[in-house]
Structures are given as C-alpha cells and as structure tokens.
C-alpha cells in the first residue's frame, strides 16, 4: 500500500522532495565558499613582486656599483648638466672615493633585498601575516627612500631642474628607473596582487 502511494505521488511533490533533500545535503553557497578562499592571495611577496624587488632592483644597483668602480669620472660627470662649461679634467681623489662608496651602498641595498625577501618567501610561506610584516618592514623605508631620492635630486639640480632639454642621459635614466621601482612599491603598499592579512585572513569557519 505504501509503495503504491509512493508511485502515485504527484510529480510536483517529487520535485519538491528532491530540492529539499539537495538543500539539506549541500549548502546553498557551498560551491562559492569552497572556491573563494582558493582565489585569495596566499603570499605577501608573490612572484611578480619578488622578480621586481629581489632580481630587477639588485641587478640595477649592482650595475650602478660596477659603473662607479670602472668609470668613476664618467659616473660623476653625467650626473647633471654642466651649463657653465665642460667638467674638470681630473677628478679629485675625495670625489672619486665618495662616488665608489655610494655605489657600494646601492649594491648593498640590492643584496639586502635578495637575502631578506628570499628568506621571507621561503621560510614564512605558511605564515603570510608575519611574512607581510617582514616584507613591509623592508619595502616601506625603501618607498620613503624613492620619494626622497626623487625630491632631493630635483632640489639639488637647482635652476637646472626644469631645464629638461639639457639633462644628461644618465639623469633621465635615474628618474626613469626610479619610477620603475617607485610604482611597484606603491602597488605593494596598496595591497594589489598580494596577501593582505586584514583582508585575506581565513575566517574561523573556512
């Protein structure tokens, strides 16, 4: 008797029972909940940022150091225009030493990027919140340095700062390369394409 009643049930009843059983076994938004955590960034120093700050920037700073060592006079003379005549024939020893030391400092900053960011990426990959703090402790002062470098360079140029047609090629390169590092650092600070703990921290339910 029960079997005949089940077979003679109205089709709409069967459909409603099917939907009720499906809703009980599978939450309405389970598919979305399962996929959304996997779409969140999981690293504070993903490959794109690592390439810029741990490869590209150290290469630039190392090349700058080598240029200062191999040709300190050229490095000095091409830093700014010479509106009142050609540069001096001989470079004072103190100036030569200062240029080489500044080049060494730049190369050292590049090496710090390599070692610190590599250590954070390798050893803190499962602690993205701590990784974000360590990486931020490096990139934040470097961002301040980018702004200060551009501002000080313009200030030091004096009356020549807006006489752009007389700028040396090295001066153009200095500003251009500075922006290629400044923009990614700003993007990192804005949390673009990387793990941000306040935004991407897994919820207790996930």
N, C-alpha and C. Protein backbone atom coordinates (compact mmCIF):
# COMPACT_ATOMS: atom_id res chain seq x y z
N UNK A 1 0.83 -1.20 0.00
CA UNK A 1 0.00 0.00 0.00
C UNK A 1 0.87 1.25 0.00
N UNK A 2 1.89 1.25 0.86
CA UNK A 2 2.79 2.40 0.94
C UNK A 2 3.51 2.58 -0.38
N UNK A 3 3.89 1.44 -0.99
CA UNK A 3 4.61 1.51 -2.25
C UNK A 3 3.75 2.12 -3.34
N UNK A 4 2.45 1.75 -3.38
CA UNK A 4 1.55 2.29 -4.40
C UNK A 4 1.32 3.77 -4.20
N UNK A 5 1.27 4.20 -2.91
CA UNK A 5 1.10 5.63 -2.65
C UNK A 5 2.32 6.40 -3.14
N UNK A 6 3.51 5.82 -2.92
CA UNK A 6 4.74 6.50 -3.34
C UNK A 6 4.79 6.65 -4.86
N UNK A 7 4.34 5.56 -5.59
CA UNK A 7 4.37 5.61 -7.04
C UNK A 7 3.33 6.55 -7.59
N UNK A 8 2.21 6.70 -6.87
CA UNK A 8 1.13 7.56 -7.37
C UNK A 8 1.27 9.00 -6.91
N UNK A 9 2.40 9.34 -6.26
CA UNK A 9 2.58 10.70 -5.76
C UNK A 9 2.64 11.66 -6.94
N UNK A 10 2.16 12.87 -6.67
CA UNK A 10 2.13 13.89 -7.72
C UNK A 10 3.56 14.28 -8.09
N UNK A 11 3.85 14.52 -9.38
CA UNK A 11 5.22 14.88 -9.79
C UNK A 11 5.76 16.10 -9.07
N UNK A 12 4.90 17.09 -8.79
CA UNK A 12 5.38 18.29 -8.09
C UNK A 12 5.87 17.95 -6.70
N UNK A 13 5.23 16.94 -6.04
CA UNK A 13 5.69 16.52 -4.72
C UNK A 13 7.08 15.91 -4.81
N UNK A 14 7.31 15.11 -5.85
CA UNK A 14 8.63 14.50 -6.00
C UNK A 14 9.70 15.56 -6.24
N UNK A 15 9.38 16.57 -7.03
CA UNK A 15 10.35 17.64 -7.31
C UNK A 15 10.68 18.41 -6.04
N UNK A 16 9.65 18.72 -5.25
CA UNK A 16 9.89 19.47 -4.00
C UNK A 16 10.72 18.65 -3.03
N UNK A 17 10.43 17.30 -2.96
CA UNK A 17 11.23 16.45 -2.07
C UNK A 17 12.69 16.42 -2.53
N UNK A 18 12.90 16.39 -3.85
CA UNK A 18 14.26 16.36 -4.37
C UNK A 18 15.03 17.62 -3.99
N UNK A 19 14.38 18.77 -4.13
CA UNK A 19 15.03 20.03 -3.79
C UNK A 19 15.31 20.13 -2.30
N UNK A 20 14.37 19.61 -1.47
CA UNK A 20 14.59 19.66 -0.02
C UNK A 20 15.77 18.79 0.36
N UNK A 21 15.85 17.59 -0.22
CA UNK A 21 16.97 16.71 0.11
C UNK A 21 18.30 17.28 -0.37
N UNK A 22 18.28 17.98 -1.50
CA UNK A 22 19.51 18.57 -2.02
C UNK A 22 19.96 19.73 -1.15
N UNK A 23 18.99 20.52 -0.69
CA UNK A 23 19.35 21.66 0.16
C UNK A 23 19.89 21.21 1.50
N UNK A 24 19.42 20.05 1.99
CA UNK A 24 19.92 19.55 3.26
C UNK A 24 21.33 19.00 3.12
N UNK A 25 21.63 18.37 1.99
CA UNK A 25 22.94 17.74 1.83
C UNK A 25 24.01 18.71 1.37
N UNK A 26 23.60 19.78 0.64
CA UNK A 26 24.57 20.74 0.11
C UNK A 26 24.12 22.14 0.44
N UNK A 27 24.91 22.92 1.20
CA UNK A 27 24.53 24.30 1.50
C UNK A 27 24.37 25.08 0.21
N UNK A 28 23.51 26.10 0.27
CA UNK A 28 23.19 26.85 -0.93
C UNK A 28 24.40 27.53 -1.54
N UNK A 29 25.36 27.95 -0.69
CA UNK A 29 26.51 28.69 -1.21
C UNK A 29 27.80 27.93 -0.99
N UNK A 30 27.70 26.60 -0.86
CA UNK A 30 28.91 25.85 -0.55
C UNK A 30 29.92 25.92 -1.68
N UNK A 31 29.44 25.90 -2.93
CA UNK A 31 30.37 25.97 -4.05
C UNK A 31 31.13 27.28 -4.03
N UNK A 32 30.45 28.39 -3.77
CA UNK A 32 31.11 29.68 -3.72
C UNK A 32 32.06 29.76 -2.55
N UNK A 33 31.65 29.21 -1.40
CA UNK A 33 32.50 29.26 -0.22
C UNK A 33 33.76 28.43 -0.40
N UNK A 34 33.65 27.32 -1.13
CA UNK A 34 34.83 26.48 -1.34
C UNK A 34 35.82 27.14 -2.28
N UNK A 35 35.30 27.87 -3.27
CA UNK A 35 36.20 28.42 -4.27
C UNK A 35 36.83 29.73 -3.84
N UNK A 36 36.11 30.53 -3.05
CA UNK A 36 36.62 31.86 -2.73
C UNK A 36 37.91 31.85 -1.94
N UNK A 37 38.12 30.97 -0.92
CA UNK A 37 39.40 31.00 -0.23
C UNK A 37 40.57 30.69 -1.14
N UNK A 38 40.38 29.79 -2.12
CA UNK A 38 41.48 29.44 -3.01
C UNK A 38 41.84 30.58 -3.95
N UNK A 39 40.92 31.54 -4.13
CA UNK A 39 41.19 32.66 -5.00
C UNK A 39 41.92 33.79 -4.28
N UNK A 40 42.00 33.73 -2.97
CA UNK A 40 42.69 34.78 -2.23
C UNK A 40 44.20 34.65 -2.41
N UNK A 41 44.92 35.78 -2.44
CA UNK A 41 46.39 35.69 -2.46
C UNK A 41 46.89 35.01 -1.19
N UNK A 42 47.92 34.23 -1.32
CA UNK A 42 48.45 33.49 -0.17
C UNK A 42 49.88 33.90 0.18
N UNK A 43 50.44 34.85 -0.54
CA UNK A 43 51.82 35.28 -0.28
C UNK A 43 51.90 36.79 -0.28
N UNK A 44 52.67 37.33 0.67
CA UNK A 44 52.90 38.78 0.71
C UNK A 44 53.98 39.21 -0.27
N UNK A 45 54.70 38.26 -0.84
CA UNK A 45 55.73 38.56 -1.83
C UNK A 45 55.59 37.56 -2.99
N UNK A 46 54.50 37.65 -3.76
CA UNK A 46 54.27 36.73 -4.88
C UNK A 46 55.32 36.92 -5.97
N UNK A 47 55.34 36.03 -6.98
CA UNK A 47 56.41 36.05 -7.98
C UNK A 47 56.64 37.40 -8.65
N UNK A 48 55.58 38.13 -8.99
CA UNK A 48 55.77 39.41 -9.69
C UNK A 48 56.56 40.39 -8.84
N UNK A 49 56.17 40.53 -7.58
CA UNK A 49 56.89 41.45 -6.69
C UNK A 49 58.29 40.93 -6.39
N UNK A 50 58.43 39.64 -6.22
CA UNK A 50 59.76 39.07 -5.95
C UNK A 50 60.70 39.35 -7.12
N UNK A 51 60.19 39.23 -8.34
CA UNK A 51 61.02 39.48 -9.51
C UNK A 51 61.50 40.93 -9.55
N UNK A 52 60.60 41.86 -9.21
CA UNK A 52 60.97 43.28 -9.25
C UNK A 52 61.98 43.62 -8.16
N UNK A 53 61.67 43.21 -6.91
CA UNK A 53 62.46 43.67 -5.77
C UNK A 53 63.67 42.80 -5.44
N UNK A 54 63.63 41.52 -5.79
CA UNK A 54 64.73 40.62 -5.43
C UNK A 54 65.60 40.24 -6.63
N UNK A 55 65.20 40.63 -7.83
CA UNK A 55 66.01 40.34 -9.02
C UNK A 55 66.32 41.62 -9.79
N UNK A 56 65.26 42.30 -10.24
CA UNK A 56 65.44 43.50 -11.06
C UNK A 56 66.18 44.61 -10.31
N UNK A 57 65.73 44.92 -9.11
CA UNK A 57 66.37 46.01 -8.35
C UNK A 57 67.83 45.69 -8.00
N UNK A 58 68.15 44.48 -7.50
CA UNK A 58 69.56 44.18 -7.23
C UNK A 58 70.44 44.24 -8.48
N UNK A 59 69.90 43.85 -9.63
CA UNK A 59 70.68 43.95 -10.86
C UNK A 59 71.00 45.41 -11.16
N UNK A 60 70.00 46.30 -10.99
CA UNK A 60 70.23 47.72 -11.23
C UNK A 60 71.29 48.28 -10.29
N UNK A 61 71.17 47.97 -9.00
CA UNK A 61 72.12 48.52 -8.03
C UNK A 61 73.53 47.97 -8.25
N UNK A 62 73.62 46.71 -8.64
CA UNK A 62 74.93 46.12 -8.91
C UNK A 62 75.58 46.74 -10.14
N UNK A 63 74.79 46.97 -11.18
CA UNK A 63 75.32 47.63 -12.38
C UNK A 63 75.77 49.05 -12.06
N UNK A 64 75.01 49.74 -11.21
CA UNK A 64 75.41 51.08 -10.80
C UNK A 64 76.74 51.07 -10.07
N UNK A 65 76.92 50.10 -9.20
CA UNK A 65 78.18 49.98 -8.46
C UNK A 65 79.35 49.69 -9.41
N UNK A 66 79.13 48.76 -10.34
CA UNK A 66 80.19 48.43 -11.30
C UNK A 66 80.55 49.63 -12.17
N UNK A 67 79.53 50.40 -12.55
CA UNK A 67 79.80 51.61 -13.34
C UNK A 67 80.62 52.61 -12.56
N UNK A 68 80.33 52.75 -11.26
CA UNK A 68 81.09 53.68 -10.43
C UNK A 68 82.54 53.22 -10.26
N UNK A 69 82.74 51.91 -10.15
CA UNK A 69 84.09 51.38 -9.97
C UNK A 69 84.90 51.48 -11.26
N UNK A 70 84.28 51.12 -12.39
CA UNK A 70 85.01 51.08 -13.66
C UNK A 70 85.20 52.47 -14.26
N UNK A 71 84.25 53.35 -14.03
CA UNK A 71 84.35 54.70 -14.62
C UNK A 71 83.82 55.74 -13.63
N UNK A 72 84.54 55.99 -12.55
CA UNK A 72 84.04 56.95 -11.56
C UNK A 72 83.91 58.36 -12.12
N UNK A 73 84.81 58.76 -13.00
CA UNK A 73 84.72 60.12 -13.55
C UNK A 73 83.48 60.27 -14.44
N UNK A 74 83.23 59.27 -15.29
CA UNK A 74 82.03 59.33 -16.12
C UNK A 74 80.77 59.32 -15.28
N UNK A 75 80.76 58.49 -14.24
CA UNK A 75 79.61 58.46 -13.33
C UNK A 75 79.39 59.82 -12.70
N UNK A 76 80.46 60.49 -12.33
CA UNK A 76 80.37 61.82 -11.73
C UNK A 76 79.91 62.86 -12.75
N UNK A 77 80.53 62.87 -13.91
CA UNK A 77 80.27 63.94 -14.88
C UNK A 77 78.87 63.88 -15.46
N UNK A 78 78.30 62.68 -15.59
CA UNK A 78 76.99 62.54 -16.22
C UNK A 78 75.82 62.61 -15.23
N UNK A 79 76.11 62.92 -13.99
CA UNK A 79 75.04 63.02 -13.01
C UNK A 79 74.15 64.23 -13.26
N UNK A 80 74.71 65.29 -13.84
CA UNK A 80 73.97 66.53 -14.02
C UNK A 80 74.57 67.30 -15.19
N UNK A 81 73.80 68.25 -15.75
CA UNK A 81 74.35 69.06 -16.85
C UNK A 81 75.44 70.01 -16.35
N UNK A 82 76.27 70.45 -17.27
CA UNK A 82 77.34 71.41 -16.97
C UNK A 82 77.07 72.68 -17.80
N UNK A 83 76.22 73.57 -17.32
CA UNK A 83 75.82 74.73 -18.13
C UNK A 83 76.92 75.77 -18.31
N UNK A 84 77.90 75.79 -17.43
CA UNK A 84 78.93 76.84 -17.47
C UNK A 84 80.25 76.37 -18.07
N UNK A 85 80.24 75.25 -18.75
CA UNK A 85 81.47 74.76 -19.35
C UNK A 85 81.64 73.28 -19.14
N UNK A 86 82.69 72.71 -19.71
CA UNK A 86 82.92 71.26 -19.58
C UNK A 86 83.34 70.90 -18.16
N UNK A 87 83.16 69.63 -17.78
CA UNK A 87 83.60 69.19 -16.45
C UNK A 87 85.12 69.23 -16.34
N UNK A 88 85.65 69.23 -15.12
CA UNK A 88 87.10 69.27 -14.94
C UNK A 88 87.77 68.02 -15.51
N UNK A 89 89.02 68.19 -15.90
CA UNK A 89 89.76 67.08 -16.49
C UNK A 89 90.03 65.97 -15.47
N UNK A 90 90.44 66.36 -14.30
CA UNK A 90 90.79 65.40 -13.26
C UNK A 90 89.74 65.39 -12.16
N UNK A 91 89.47 64.20 -11.66
CA UNK A 91 88.51 64.04 -10.57
C UNK A 91 89.28 63.99 -9.25
N UNK A 92 88.94 64.85 -8.29
CA UNK A 92 89.63 64.80 -7.00
C UNK A 92 89.49 63.42 -6.36
N UNK A 93 90.52 63.03 -5.63
CA UNK A 93 90.52 61.71 -5.01
C UNK A 93 89.34 61.54 -4.06
N UNK A 94 89.02 62.59 -3.30
CA UNK A 94 87.90 62.50 -2.36
C UNK A 94 86.58 62.28 -3.10
N UNK A 95 86.42 62.94 -4.23
CA UNK A 95 85.20 62.77 -5.03
C UNK A 95 85.13 61.36 -5.60
N UNK A 96 86.26 60.87 -6.10
CA UNK A 96 86.30 59.50 -6.64
C UNK A 96 85.92 58.48 -5.57
N UNK A 97 86.50 58.65 -4.39
CA UNK A 97 86.22 57.71 -3.30
C UNK A 97 84.75 57.78 -2.89
N UNK A 98 84.20 59.00 -2.82
CA UNK A 98 82.80 59.16 -2.44
C UNK A 98 81.87 58.47 -3.43
N UNK A 99 82.14 58.62 -4.71
CA UNK A 99 81.29 58.01 -5.74
C UNK A 99 81.32 56.49 -5.64
N UNK A 100 82.52 55.93 -5.45
CA UNK A 100 82.62 54.47 -5.34
C UNK A 100 81.92 53.98 -4.08
N UNK A 101 82.05 54.71 -2.98
CA UNK A 101 81.38 54.31 -1.74
C UNK A 101 79.86 54.37 -1.88
N UNK A 102 79.34 55.40 -2.56
CA UNK A 102 77.90 55.49 -2.78
C UNK A 102 77.41 54.34 -3.66
N UNK A 103 78.21 53.99 -4.67
CA UNK A 103 77.85 52.84 -5.49
C UNK A 103 77.81 51.56 -4.69
N UNK A 104 78.75 51.43 -3.76
CA UNK A 104 78.78 50.24 -2.90
C UNK A 104 77.54 50.18 -2.01
N UNK A 105 77.11 51.32 -1.48
CA UNK A 105 75.91 51.35 -0.64
C UNK A 105 74.69 50.91 -1.44
N UNK A 106 74.58 51.38 -2.68
CA UNK A 106 73.46 50.97 -3.53
C UNK A 106 73.47 49.46 -3.77
N UNK A 107 74.64 48.92 -4.07
CA UNK A 107 74.74 47.47 -4.28
C UNK A 107 74.39 46.70 -3.02
N UNK A 108 74.79 47.23 -1.87
CA UNK A 108 74.48 46.57 -0.61
C UNK A 108 72.98 46.51 -0.36
N UNK A 109 72.27 47.60 -0.68
CA UNK A 109 70.81 47.60 -0.54
C UNK A 109 70.18 46.53 -1.44
N UNK A 110 70.72 46.38 -2.64
CA UNK A 110 70.21 45.34 -3.53
C UNK A 110 70.42 43.95 -2.97
N UNK A 111 71.58 43.71 -2.37
CA UNK A 111 71.85 42.40 -1.76
C UNK A 111 70.93 42.15 -0.57
N UNK A 112 70.66 43.18 0.21
CA UNK A 112 69.72 43.02 1.33
C UNK A 112 68.35 42.60 0.81
N UNK A 113 67.92 43.19 -0.30
CA UNK A 113 66.65 42.80 -0.89
C UNK A 113 66.63 41.31 -1.22
N UNK A 114 67.70 40.83 -1.86
CA UNK A 114 67.75 39.43 -2.27
C UNK A 114 67.64 38.51 -1.06
N UNK A 115 68.49 38.72 -0.06
CA UNK A 115 68.54 37.80 1.07
C UNK A 115 67.28 37.89 1.93
N UNK A 116 66.82 39.09 2.22
CA UNK A 116 65.67 39.21 3.12
C UNK A 116 64.39 38.72 2.45
N UNK A 117 64.15 39.12 1.22
CA UNK A 117 62.92 38.71 0.54
C UNK A 117 62.91 37.22 0.24
N UNK A 118 64.07 36.66 -0.09
CA UNK A 118 64.14 35.22 -0.32
C UNK A 118 63.86 34.46 0.97
N UNK A 119 64.44 34.91 2.08
CA UNK A 119 64.19 34.25 3.36
C UNK A 119 62.72 34.34 3.74
N UNK A 120 62.11 35.51 3.55
CA UNK A 120 60.69 35.67 3.88
C UNK A 120 59.82 34.80 2.99
N UNK A 121 60.17 34.71 1.72
CA UNK A 121 59.36 33.91 0.79
C UNK A 121 59.47 32.42 1.06
N UNK A 122 60.66 31.96 1.45
CA UNK A 122 60.88 30.53 1.65
C UNK A 122 60.44 30.09 3.05
N UNK A 123 60.87 30.80 4.07
CA UNK A 123 60.67 30.32 5.44
C UNK A 123 59.36 30.79 6.07
N UNK A 124 58.71 31.78 5.48
CA UNK A 124 57.45 32.27 6.05
C UNK A 124 56.28 32.05 5.09
N UNK A 125 56.43 31.10 4.19
CA UNK A 125 55.36 30.86 3.21
C UNK A 125 54.07 30.39 3.86
N UNK A 126 54.17 29.73 5.03
CA UNK A 126 52.98 29.26 5.72
C UNK A 126 52.56 30.21 6.85
N UNK A 127 53.21 31.35 6.93
CA UNK A 127 52.85 32.38 7.90
C UNK A 127 52.72 33.72 7.17
N UNK A 128 51.74 33.84 6.30
CA UNK A 128 51.65 35.04 5.45
C UNK A 128 51.48 36.33 6.23
N UNK A 129 50.85 36.28 7.41
CA UNK A 129 50.69 37.50 8.20
C UNK A 129 52.05 38.02 8.66
N UNK A 130 52.89 37.12 9.17
CA UNK A 130 54.24 37.51 9.59
C UNK A 130 55.08 37.88 8.37
N UNK A 131 54.90 37.16 7.29
CA UNK A 131 55.62 37.46 6.06
C UNK A 131 55.31 38.89 5.59
N UNK A 132 54.05 39.28 5.69
CA UNK A 132 53.66 40.63 5.29
C UNK A 132 54.36 41.68 6.14
N UNK A 133 54.46 41.45 7.43
CA UNK A 133 55.12 42.41 8.32
C UNK A 133 56.60 42.54 7.99
N UNK A 134 57.27 41.42 7.76
CA UNK A 134 58.70 41.45 7.46
C UNK A 134 58.96 42.15 6.13
N UNK A 135 58.19 41.78 5.12
CA UNK A 135 58.38 42.40 3.80
C UNK A 135 58.06 43.89 3.87
N UNK A 136 57.01 44.24 4.60
CA UNK A 136 56.66 45.65 4.75
C UNK A 136 57.73 46.44 5.47
N UNK A 137 58.41 45.79 6.43
CA UNK A 137 59.49 46.47 7.15
C UNK A 137 60.65 46.82 6.24
N UNK A 138 60.79 46.10 5.13
CA UNK A 138 61.82 46.43 4.15
C UNK A 138 61.32 47.41 3.10
N UNK A 139 60.14 47.16 2.54
CA UNK A 139 59.67 47.94 1.41
C UNK A 139 59.17 49.33 1.80
N UNK A 140 58.71 49.50 3.04
CA UNK A 140 58.22 50.81 3.45
C UNK A 140 59.33 51.86 3.50
N UNK A 141 60.46 51.60 4.18
CA UNK A 141 61.53 52.60 4.13
C UNK A 141 62.11 52.79 2.73
N UNK A 142 62.09 51.73 1.91
CA UNK A 142 62.57 51.90 0.54
C UNK A 142 61.64 52.80 -0.27
N UNK A 143 60.33 52.72 0.01
CA UNK A 143 59.39 53.63 -0.65
C UNK A 143 59.65 55.07 -0.23
N UNK A 144 59.89 55.27 1.06
CA UNK A 144 60.24 56.61 1.53
C UNK A 144 61.52 57.08 0.86
N UNK A 145 62.47 56.16 0.71
CA UNK A 145 63.71 56.49 0.02
C UNK A 145 63.50 56.86 -1.43
N UNK A 146 62.57 56.19 -2.11
CA UNK A 146 62.27 56.54 -3.50
C UNK A 146 61.79 57.98 -3.62
N UNK A 147 60.84 58.34 -2.75
CA UNK A 147 60.30 59.70 -2.77
C UNK A 147 61.39 60.71 -2.44
N UNK A 148 62.17 60.42 -1.40
CA UNK A 148 63.24 61.33 -1.00
C UNK A 148 64.29 61.47 -2.10
N UNK A 149 64.59 60.36 -2.76
CA UNK A 149 65.60 60.39 -3.82
C UNK A 149 65.17 61.29 -4.97
N UNK A 150 63.91 61.16 -5.40
CA UNK A 150 63.42 61.99 -6.49
C UNK A 150 63.36 63.46 -6.08
N UNK A 151 62.89 63.71 -4.86
CA UNK A 151 62.78 65.10 -4.40
C UNK A 151 64.15 65.74 -4.22
N UNK A 152 65.08 65.03 -3.59
CA UNK A 152 66.42 65.58 -3.36
C UNK A 152 67.14 65.82 -4.68
N UNK A 153 66.95 64.91 -5.64
CA UNK A 153 67.61 65.08 -6.94
C UNK A 153 67.11 66.35 -7.62
N UNK A 154 65.80 66.58 -7.59
CA UNK A 154 65.26 67.80 -8.20
C UNK A 154 65.74 69.04 -7.45
N UNK A 155 65.76 68.95 -6.13
CA UNK A 155 66.23 70.09 -5.33
C UNK A 155 67.70 70.40 -5.61
N UNK A 156 68.52 69.37 -5.71
CA UNK A 156 69.96 69.57 -5.92
C UNK A 156 70.27 70.12 -7.31
N UNK A 157 69.38 69.91 -8.27
CA UNK A 157 69.62 70.43 -9.62
C UNK A 157 69.51 71.94 -9.68
N UNK A 158 68.88 72.54 -8.69
CA UNK A 158 68.77 73.99 -8.64
C UNK A 158 68.02 74.56 -9.83
N UNK A 159 68.63 75.56 -10.48
CA UNK A 159 67.98 76.22 -11.61
C UNK A 159 67.83 75.31 -12.83
N UNK A 160 68.55 74.21 -12.84
CA UNK A 160 68.51 73.30 -13.99
C UNK A 160 67.42 72.24 -13.88
N UNK A 161 66.67 72.26 -12.77
CA UNK A 161 65.74 71.14 -12.55
C UNK A 161 64.67 71.07 -13.63
N UNK A 162 64.21 72.22 -14.13
CA UNK A 162 63.16 72.19 -15.15
C UNK A 162 63.72 72.45 -16.55
N UNK A 163 65.02 72.59 -16.66
CA UNK A 163 65.65 72.75 -17.97
C UNK A 163 65.93 71.35 -18.55
N UNK A 164 64.84 70.64 -18.81
CA UNK A 164 64.93 69.21 -19.11
C UNK A 164 65.72 68.94 -20.38
N UNK A 165 65.67 69.84 -21.35
CA UNK A 165 66.38 69.60 -22.60
C UNK A 165 67.89 69.53 -22.41
N UNK A 166 68.39 70.05 -21.30
CA UNK A 166 69.83 69.99 -21.02
C UNK A 166 70.21 68.86 -20.07
N UNK A 167 69.24 68.08 -19.66
CA UNK A 167 69.55 66.96 -18.76
C UNK A 167 70.45 65.95 -19.48
N UNK A 168 71.32 65.34 -18.71
CA UNK A 168 72.18 64.29 -19.26
C UNK A 168 71.39 62.99 -19.40
N UNK A 169 71.82 62.10 -20.29
CA UNK A 169 71.13 60.80 -20.41
C UNK A 169 71.07 60.04 -19.08
N UNK A 170 72.14 60.12 -18.30
CA UNK A 170 72.14 59.41 -17.02
C UNK A 170 71.08 59.97 -16.08
N UNK A 171 70.86 61.28 -16.14
CA UNK A 171 69.85 61.88 -15.27
C UNK A 171 68.46 61.40 -15.67
N UNK A 172 68.20 61.32 -16.97
CA UNK A 172 66.93 60.76 -17.44
C UNK A 172 66.77 59.32 -16.97
N UNK A 173 67.83 58.53 -17.12
CA UNK A 173 67.77 57.13 -16.71
C UNK A 173 67.52 57.00 -15.21
N UNK A 174 68.17 57.88 -14.44
CA UNK A 174 67.99 57.83 -12.98
C UNK A 174 66.54 58.03 -12.59
N UNK A 175 65.89 59.03 -13.17
CA UNK A 175 64.49 59.29 -12.84
C UNK A 175 63.58 58.18 -13.38
N UNK A 176 63.86 57.71 -14.59
CA UNK A 176 63.01 56.66 -15.18
C UNK A 176 63.08 55.38 -14.37
N UNK A 177 64.30 54.94 -14.05
CA UNK A 177 64.45 53.71 -13.27
C UNK A 177 63.90 53.88 -11.86
N UNK A 178 64.01 55.09 -11.33
CA UNK A 178 63.43 55.34 -10.02
C UNK A 178 61.93 55.11 -10.01
N UNK A 179 61.25 55.54 -11.07
CA UNK A 179 59.80 55.33 -11.14
C UNK A 179 59.45 53.86 -11.36
N UNK A 180 60.31 53.11 -12.04
CA UNK A 180 60.02 51.68 -12.24
C UNK A 180 60.08 50.90 -10.93
N UNK A 181 60.70 51.46 -9.91
CA UNK A 181 60.70 50.84 -8.59
C UNK A 181 59.67 51.49 -7.67
N UNK A 182 59.46 52.79 -7.84
CA UNK A 182 58.50 53.51 -7.01
C UNK A 182 57.08 53.00 -7.22
N UNK A 183 56.69 52.81 -8.48
CA UNK A 183 55.31 52.38 -8.77
C UNK A 183 55.01 51.00 -8.19
N UNK A 184 55.85 49.97 -8.38
CA UNK A 184 55.56 48.67 -7.75
C UNK A 184 55.52 48.74 -6.23
N UNK A 185 56.34 49.60 -5.62
CA UNK A 185 56.31 49.70 -4.16
C UNK A 185 54.99 50.31 -3.69
N UNK A 186 54.49 51.30 -4.43
CA UNK A 186 53.18 51.87 -4.09
C UNK A 186 52.10 50.81 -4.26
N UNK A 187 52.17 50.03 -5.33
CA UNK A 187 51.19 48.96 -5.55
C UNK A 187 51.23 47.95 -4.41
N UNK A 188 52.43 47.61 -3.95
CA UNK A 188 52.53 46.67 -2.83
C UNK A 188 51.88 47.26 -1.59
N UNK A 189 52.13 48.53 -1.31
CA UNK A 189 51.54 49.17 -0.13
C UNK A 189 50.01 49.20 -0.23
N UNK A 190 49.49 49.30 -1.44
CA UNK A 190 48.03 49.30 -1.63
C UNK A 190 47.43 47.90 -1.59
N UNK A 191 48.27 46.88 -1.50
CA UNK A 191 47.78 45.51 -1.42
C UNK A 191 47.34 44.92 -2.73
N UNK A 192 47.85 45.44 -3.84
CA UNK A 192 47.44 44.96 -5.15
C UNK A 192 48.19 43.67 -5.49
N UNK A 193 47.45 42.58 -5.72
CA UNK A 193 48.04 41.33 -6.16
C UNK A 193 48.87 40.61 -5.13
N UNK A 194 48.64 40.86 -3.86
CA UNK A 194 49.40 40.18 -2.81
C UNK A 194 48.50 39.93 -1.61
N UNK A 195 49.01 39.11 -0.67
CA UNK A 195 48.27 38.80 0.54
C UNK A 195 48.26 40.01 1.47
N UNK A 196 47.07 40.37 1.93
CA UNK A 196 46.89 41.41 2.95
C UNK A 196 46.17 40.76 4.12
N UNK A 197 46.80 40.72 5.26
CA UNK A 197 46.25 39.95 6.38
C UNK A 197 44.87 40.45 6.79
N UNK A 198 44.69 41.76 6.85
CA UNK A 198 43.40 42.31 7.28
C UNK A 198 42.28 42.00 6.29
N UNK A 199 42.63 41.69 5.06
CA UNK A 199 41.64 41.40 4.03
C UNK A 199 41.52 39.92 3.70
N UNK A 200 42.64 39.21 3.68
CA UNK A 200 42.67 37.84 3.19
C UNK A 200 42.82 36.79 4.27
N UNK A 201 42.83 37.19 5.52
CA UNK A 201 42.96 36.22 6.61
C UNK A 201 41.79 35.25 6.57
N UNK A 202 42.04 33.94 6.59
CA UNK A 202 40.94 32.97 6.56
C UNK A 202 40.02 33.15 7.76
N UNK A 203 38.73 33.07 7.50
CA UNK A 203 37.77 33.19 8.59
C UNK A 203 37.77 31.90 9.41
N UNK A 204 37.32 31.95 10.67
CA UNK A 204 37.31 30.75 11.51
C UNK A 204 36.51 29.60 10.92
N UNK A 205 35.49 29.91 10.09
CA UNK A 205 34.64 28.87 9.53
C UNK A 205 35.28 28.18 8.34
N UNK A 206 36.27 28.87 7.68
CA UNK A 206 36.84 28.29 6.46
C UNK A 206 37.93 27.30 6.80
